[in-house]
Amino acid sequence: MSLRRINEKQWYRTTPKADGITLVDEPWIKPFYRCNIWHVQGSKRGMVVDFGLGRCRCVSRWHY
């Protein structure tokens, strides 16, 4: 059995969802395990939101 090889340009896929909002995911990974990274483009700056392993309470872990 041989596994299909992909290069780094094929690893991630971008899908526009709304004006200035793009979903970044990995088409080669099973849907349950895929990353869900969102890019939100503002008028002056962009923001990347990566939920990692899911939703958790982060306020108590990080102090600003």
PDB file of N, CA and C in Angstrom:
ATOM      1  N   MET A   1       0.836  -1.169   0.000  1.00  0.00           N
ATOM      2  CA  MET A   1       0.000   0.000   0.000  1.00  0.00           C
ATOM      3  C   MET A   1       0.889   1.242   0.000  1.00  0.00           C
ATOM      4  N   SER A   2       0.586   2.168  -0.862  1.00  0.00           N
ATOM      5  CA  SER A   2       1.360   3.405  -0.884  1.00  0.00           C
ATOM      6  C   SER A   2       0.438   4.584  -0.565  1.00  0.00           C
ATOM      7  N   LEU A   3       0.978   5.518   0.175  1.00  0.00           N
ATOM      8  CA  LEU A   3       0.228   6.712   0.528  1.00  0.00           C
ATOM      9  C   LEU A   3       0.463   7.789  -0.512  1.00  0.00           C
ATOM     10  N   ARG A   4      -0.568   8.537  -0.800  1.00  0.00           N
ATOM     11  CA  ARG A   4      -0.438   9.623  -1.765  1.00  0.00           C
ATOM     12  C   ARG A   4       0.369  10.754  -1.130  1.00  0.00           C
ATOM     13  N   ARG A   5       1.330  11.273  -1.863  1.00  0.00           N
ATOM     14  CA  ARG A   5       2.155  12.367  -1.363  1.00  0.00           C
ATOM     15  C   ARG A   5       1.627  13.683  -1.906  1.00  0.00           C
ATOM     16  N   ILE A   6       1.592  14.672  -1.054  1.00  0.00           N
ATOM     17  CA  ILE A   6       1.213  16.009  -1.483  1.00  0.00           C
ATOM     18  C   ILE A   6       2.312  16.971  -1.069  1.00  0.00           C
ATOM     19  N   ASN A   7       2.385  18.095  -1.754  1.00  0.00           N
ATOM     20  CA  ASN A   7       3.414  19.067  -1.384  1.00  0.00           C
ATOM     21  C   ASN A   7       2.810  20.146  -0.487  1.00  0.00           C
ATOM     22  N   GLU A   8       3.657  21.030   0.003  1.00  0.00           N
ATOM     23  CA  GLU A   8       3.200  22.036   0.967  1.00  0.00           C
ATOM     24  C   GLU A   8       2.177  23.004   0.385  1.00  0.00           C
ATOM     25  N   LYS A   9       2.183  23.204  -0.917  1.00  0.00           N
ATOM     26  CA  LYS A   9       1.209  24.106  -1.539  1.00  0.00           C
ATOM     27  C   LYS A   9      -0.185  23.486  -1.589  1.00  0.00           C
ATOM     28  N   GLN A  10      -0.287  22.184  -1.485  1.00  0.00           N
ATOM     29  CA  GLN A  10      -1.572  21.498  -1.519  1.00  0.00           C
ATOM     30  C   GLN A  10      -2.109  21.187  -0.122  1.00  0.00           C
ATOM     31  N   TRP A  11      -1.315  21.390   0.911  1.00  0.00           N
ATOM     32  CA  TRP A  11      -1.708  20.940   2.244  1.00  0.00           C
ATOM     33  C   TRP A  11      -2.910  21.710   2.782  1.00  0.00           C
ATOM     34  N   TYR A  12      -2.917  23.028   2.621  1.00  0.00           N
ATOM     35  CA  TYR A  12      -4.018  23.844   3.122  1.00  0.00           C
ATOM     36  C   TYR A  12      -4.912  24.305   1.981  1.00  0.00           C
ATOM     37  N   ARG A  13      -6.181  24.529   2.316  1.00  0.00           N
ATOM     38  CA  ARG A  13      -7.159  25.025   1.346  1.00  0.00           C
ATOM     39  C   ARG A  13      -7.810  26.256   1.968  1.00  0.00           C
ATOM     40  N   THR A  14      -8.044  27.272   1.147  1.00  0.00           N
ATOM     41  CA  THR A  14      -8.747  28.461   1.625  1.00  0.00           C
ATOM     42  C   THR A  14     -10.096  28.554   0.939  1.00  0.00           C
ATOM     43  N   THR A  15     -11.127  28.878   1.743  1.00  0.00           N
ATOM     44  CA  THR A  15     -12.483  28.990   1.229  1.00  0.00           C
ATOM     45  C   THR A  15     -13.090  30.295   1.731  1.00  0.00           C
ATOM     46  N   PRO A  16     -13.341  31.255   0.822  1.00  0.00           N
ATOM     47  CA  PRO A  16     -13.999  32.491   1.255  1.00  0.00           C
ATOM     48  C   PRO A  16     -15.405  32.188   1.763  1.00  0.00           C
ATOM     49  N   LYS A  17     -15.766  32.731   2.926  1.00  0.00           N
ATOM     50  CA  LYS A  17     -17.084  32.485   3.523  1.00  0.00           C
ATOM     51  C   LYS A  17     -17.967  33.725   3.512  1.00  0.00           C
ATOM     52  N   ALA A  18     -17.386  34.879   3.672  1.00  0.00           N
ATOM     53  CA  ALA A  18     -18.125  36.141   3.665  1.00  0.00           C
ATOM     54  C   ALA A  18     -17.128  37.240   3.315  1.00  0.00           C
ATOM     55  N   ASP A  19     -17.601  38.450   3.220  1.00  0.00           N
ATOM     56  CA  ASP A  19     -16.733  39.567   2.875  1.00  0.00           C
ATOM     57  C   ASP A  19     -15.624  39.711   3.918  1.00  0.00           C
ATOM     58  N   GLY A  20     -14.404  39.381   3.536  1.00  0.00           N
ATOM     59  CA  GLY A  20     -13.265  39.502   4.435  1.00  0.00           C
ATOM     60  C   GLY A  20     -13.058  38.348   5.399  1.00  0.00           C
ATOM     61  N   ILE A  21     -13.837  37.276   5.278  1.00  0.00           N
ATOM     62  CA  ILE A  21     -13.699  36.119   6.172  1.00  0.00           C
ATOM     63  C   ILE A  21     -13.379  34.881   5.342  1.00  0.00           C
ATOM     64  N   THR A  22     -12.282  34.213   5.683  1.00  0.00           N
ATOM     65  CA  THR A  22     -11.826  33.044   4.938  1.00  0.00           C
ATOM     66  C   THR A  22     -11.556  31.893   5.896  1.00  0.00           C
ATOM     67  N   LEU A  23     -12.008  30.713   5.518  1.00  0.00           N
ATOM     68  CA  LEU A  23     -11.728  29.493   6.277  1.00  0.00           C
ATOM     69  C   LEU A  23     -10.499  28.828   5.681  1.00  0.00           C
ATOM     70  N   VAL A  24      -9.568  28.432   6.540  1.00  0.00           N
ATOM     71  CA  VAL A  24      -8.383  27.684   6.125  1.00  0.00           C
ATOM     72  C   VAL A  24      -8.507  26.295   6.739  1.00  0.00           C
ATOM     73  N   ASP A  25      -8.424  25.262   5.907  1.00  0.00           N
ATOM     74  CA  ASP A  25      -8.491  23.900   6.437  1.00  0.00           C
ATOM     75  C   ASP A  25      -7.567  22.983   5.650  1.00  0.00           C
ATOM     76  N   GLU A  26      -7.566  21.722   6.013  1.00  0.00           N
ATOM     77  CA  GLU A  26      -6.694  20.717   5.405  1.00  0.00           C
ATOM     78  C   GLU A  26      -7.568  19.691   4.677  1.00  0.00           C
ATOM     79  N   PRO A  27      -7.663  19.772   3.354  1.00  0.00           N
ATOM     80  CA  PRO A  27      -8.561  18.872   2.633  1.00  0.00           C
ATOM     81  C   PRO A  27      -8.158  17.406   2.694  1.00  0.00           C
ATOM     82  N   TRP A  28      -6.928  17.106   3.051  1.00  0.00           N
ATOM     83  CA  TRP A  28      -6.448  15.716   3.048  1.00  0.00           C
ATOM     84  C   TRP A  28      -6.674  15.009   4.376  1.00  0.00           C
ATOM     85  N   ILE A  29      -7.150  15.728   5.369  1.00  0.00           N
ATOM     86  CA  ILE A  29      -7.384  15.168   6.699  1.00  0.00           C
ATOM     87  C   ILE A  29      -8.872  14.858   6.847  1.00  0.00           C
ATOM     88  N   LYS A  30      -9.202  13.810   7.574  1.00  0.00           N
ATOM     89  CA  LYS A  30     -10.614  13.488   7.813  1.00  0.00           C
ATOM     90  C   LYS A  30     -11.296  14.689   8.465  1.00  0.00           C
ATOM     91  N   PRO A  31     -12.544  14.990   8.075  1.00  0.00           N
ATOM     92  CA  PRO A  31     -13.215  16.209   8.562  1.00  0.00           C
ATOM     93  C   PRO A  31     -13.188  16.401  10.075  1.00  0.00           C
ATOM     94  N   PHE A  32     -13.341  15.354  10.855  1.00  0.00           N
ATOM     95  CA  PHE A  32     -13.357  15.491  12.312  1.00  0.00           C
ATOM     96  C   PHE A  32     -12.025  16.019  12.853  1.00  0.00           C
ATOM     97  N   TYR A  33     -10.918  15.700  12.180  1.00  0.00           N
ATOM     98  CA  TYR A  33      -9.584  16.049  12.663  1.00  0.00           C
ATOM     99  C   TYR A  33      -9.004  17.302  12.011  1.00  0.00           C
ATOM    100  N   ARG A  34      -9.694  17.877  11.037  1.00  0.00           N
ATOM    101  CA  ARG A  34      -9.171  19.038  10.312  1.00  0.00           C
ATOM    102  C   ARG A  34      -9.027  20.258  11.209  1.00  0.00           C
ATOM    103  N   CYS A  35      -8.067  21.078  10.839  1.00  0.00           N
ATOM    104  CA  CYS A  35      -7.953  22.363  11.521  1.00  0.00           C
ATOM    105  C   CYS A  35      -9.075  23.279  11.026  1.00  0.00           C
ATOM    106  N   ASN A  36      -9.476  24.197  11.844  1.00  0.00           N
ATOM    107  CA  ASN A  36     -10.427  25.232  11.460  1.00  0.00           C
ATOM    108  C   ASN A  36      -9.797  26.560  11.825  1.00  0.00           C
ATOM    109  N   ILE A  37      -9.090  27.113  10.874  1.00  0.00           N
ATOM    110  CA  ILE A  37      -8.419  28.385  11.075  1.00  0.00           C
ATOM    111  C   ILE A  37      -9.184  29.427  10.266  1.00  0.00           C
ATOM    112  N   TRP A  38      -9.512  30.518  10.898  1.00  0.00           N
ATOM    113  CA  TRP A  38     -10.258  31.579  10.236  1.00  0.00           C
ATOM    114  C   TRP A  38      -9.378  32.804  10.083  1.00  0.00           C
ATOM    115  N   HIS A  39      -9.419  33.414   8.893  1.00  0.00           N
ATOM    116  CA  HIS A  39      -8.735  34.682   8.668  1.00  0.00           C
ATOM    117  C   HIS A  39      -9.811  35.741   8.480  1.00  0.00           C
ATOM    118  N   VAL A  40      -9.766  36.772   9.319  1.00  0.00           N
ATOM    119  CA  VAL A  40     -10.725  37.874   9.247  1.00  0.00           C
ATOM    120  C   VAL A  40      -9.945  39.121   8.863  1.00  0.00           C
ATOM    121  N   GLN A  41     -10.267  39.683   7.704  1.00  0.00           N
ATOM    122  CA  GLN A  41      -9.564  40.862   7.215  1.00  0.00           C
ATOM    123  C   GLN A  41     -10.342  42.113   7.594  1.00  0.00           C
ATOM    124  N   GLY A  42      -9.721  42.969   8.401  1.00  0.00           N
ATOM    125  CA  GLY A  42     -10.337  44.232   8.788  1.00  0.00           C
ATOM    126  C   GLY A  42      -9.907  45.342   7.852  1.00  0.00           C
ATOM    127  N   SER A  43     -10.334  46.545   8.136  1.00  0.00           N
ATOM    128  CA  SER A  43      -9.991  47.675   7.268  1.00  0.00           C
ATOM    129  C   SER A  43      -8.523  48.074   7.403  1.00  0.00           C
ATOM    130  N   LYS A  44      -7.931  47.824   8.566  1.00  0.00           N
ATOM    131  CA  LYS A  44      -6.525  48.183   8.774  1.00  0.00           C
ATOM    132  C   LYS A  44      -5.627  46.988   9.049  1.00  0.00           C
ATOM    133  N   ARG A  45      -6.190  45.923   9.618  1.00  0.00           N
ATOM    134  CA  ARG A  45      -5.393  44.753   9.978  1.00  0.00           C
ATOM    135  C   ARG A  45      -6.186  43.485   9.763  1.00  0.00           C
ATOM    136  N   GLY A  46      -5.459  42.373   9.693  1.00  0.00           N
ATOM    137  CA  GLY A  46      -6.096  41.070   9.621  1.00  0.00           C
ATOM    138  C   GLY A  46      -5.932  40.345  10.949  1.00  0.00           C
ATOM    139  N   MET A  47      -6.780  39.358  11.174  1.00  0.00           N
ATOM    140  CA  MET A  47      -6.698  38.575  12.401  1.00  0.00           C
ATOM    141  C   MET A  47      -6.855  37.103  12.038  1.00  0.00           C
ATOM    142  N   VAL A  48      -6.037  36.257  12.638  1.00  0.00           N
ATOM    143  CA  VAL A  48      -6.135  34.813  12.441  1.00  0.00           C
ATOM    144  C   VAL A  48      -6.661  34.203  13.731  1.00  0.00           C
ATOM    145  N   VAL A  49      -7.716  33.393  13.602  1.00  0.00           N
ATOM    146  CA  VAL A  49      -8.313  32.724  14.754  1.00  0.00           C
ATOM    147  C   VAL A  49      -8.161  31.226  14.538  1.00  0.00           C
ATOM    148  N   ASP A  50      -7.430  30.568  15.432  1.00  0.00           N
ATOM    149  CA  ASP A  50      -7.211  29.124  15.347  1.00  0.00           C
ATOM    150  C   ASP A  50      -7.750  28.507  16.630  1.00  0.00           C
ATOM    151  N   PHE A  51      -8.772  27.680  16.503  1.00  0.00           N
ATOM    152  CA  PHE A  51      -9.396  27.090  17.677  1.00  0.00           C
ATOM    153  C   PHE A  51      -8.625  25.893  18.229  1.00  0.00           C
ATOM    154  N   GLY A  52      -7.555  25.497  17.578  1.00  0.00           N
ATOM    155  CA  GLY A  52      -6.710  24.427  18.098  1.00  0.00           C
ATOM    156  C   GLY A  52      -7.483  23.146  18.336  1.00  0.00           C
ATOM    157  N   LEU A  53      -7.456  22.661  19.556  1.00  0.00           N
ATOM    158  CA  LEU A  53      -8.140  21.411  19.888  1.00  0.00           C
ATOM    159  C   LEU A  53      -9.564  21.628  20.369  1.00  0.00           C
ATOM    160  N   GLY A  54     -10.089  22.799  20.151  1.00  0.00           N
ATOM    161  CA  GLY A  54     -11.464  23.063  20.546  1.00  0.00           C
ATOM    162  C   GLY A  54     -11.582  24.291  21.416  1.00  0.00           C
ATOM    163  N   ARG A  55     -12.754  24.495  21.910  1.00  0.00           N
ATOM    164  CA  ARG A  55     -13.051  25.663  22.718  1.00  0.00           C
ATOM    165  C   ARG A  55     -12.689  25.393  24.177  1.00  0.00           C
ATOM    166  N   CYS A  56     -11.993  26.327  24.782  1.00  0.00           N
ATOM    167  CA  CYS A  56     -11.662  26.187  26.198  1.00  0.00           C
ATOM    168  C   CYS A  56     -11.598  27.566  26.834  1.00  0.00           C
ATOM    169  N   ARG A  57     -11.639  27.604  28.120  1.00  0.00           N
ATOM    170  CA  ARG A  57     -11.540  28.869  28.837  1.00  0.00           C
ATOM    171  C   ARG A  57     -10.064  29.246  28.947  1.00  0.00           C
ATOM    172  N   CYS A  58      -9.678  30.312  28.275  1.00  0.00           N
ATOM    173  CA  CYS A  58      -8.274  30.716  28.245  1.00  0.00           C
ATOM    174  C   CYS A  58      -7.980  31.882  29.177  1.00  0.00           C
ATOM    175  N   VAL A  59      -8.986  32.612  29.593  1.00  0.00           N
ATOM    176  CA  VAL A  59      -8.775  33.810  30.402  1.00  0.00           C
ATOM    177  C   VAL A  59      -8.010  33.495  31.678  1.00  0.00           C
ATOM    178  N   SER A  60      -8.334  32.408  32.332  1.00  0.00           N
ATOM    179  CA  SER A  60      -7.662  32.076  33.588  1.00  0.00           C
ATOM    180  C   SER A  60      -6.238  31.565  33.376  1.00  0.00           C
ATOM    181  N   ARG A  61      -5.895  31.218  32.162  1.00  0.00           N
ATOM    182  CA  ARG A  61      -4.557  30.674  31.894  1.00  0.00           C
ATOM    183  C   ARG A  61      -3.560  31.748  31.492  1.00  0.00           C
ATOM    184  N   TRP A  62      -4.047  32.802  30.825  1.00  0.00           N
ATOM    185  CA  TRP A  62      -3.157  33.848  30.336  1.00  0.00           C
ATOM    186  C   TRP A  62      -3.494  35.155  31.018  1.00  0.00           C
ATOM    187  N   HIS A  63      -2.470  35.860  31.428  1.00  0.00           N
ATOM    188  CA  HIS A  63      -2.665  37.158  32.071  1.00  0.00           C
ATOM    189  C   HIS A  63      -1.990  38.207  31.207  1.00  0.00           C
ATOM    190  N   TYR A  64      -2.717  39.259  30.917  1.00  0.00           N
ATOM    191  CA  TYR A  64      -2.164  40.331  30.076  1.00  0.00           C
ATOM    192  C   TYR A  64      -1.786  41.516  30.913  1.00  0.00           C
TER     193      TYR A  64
END
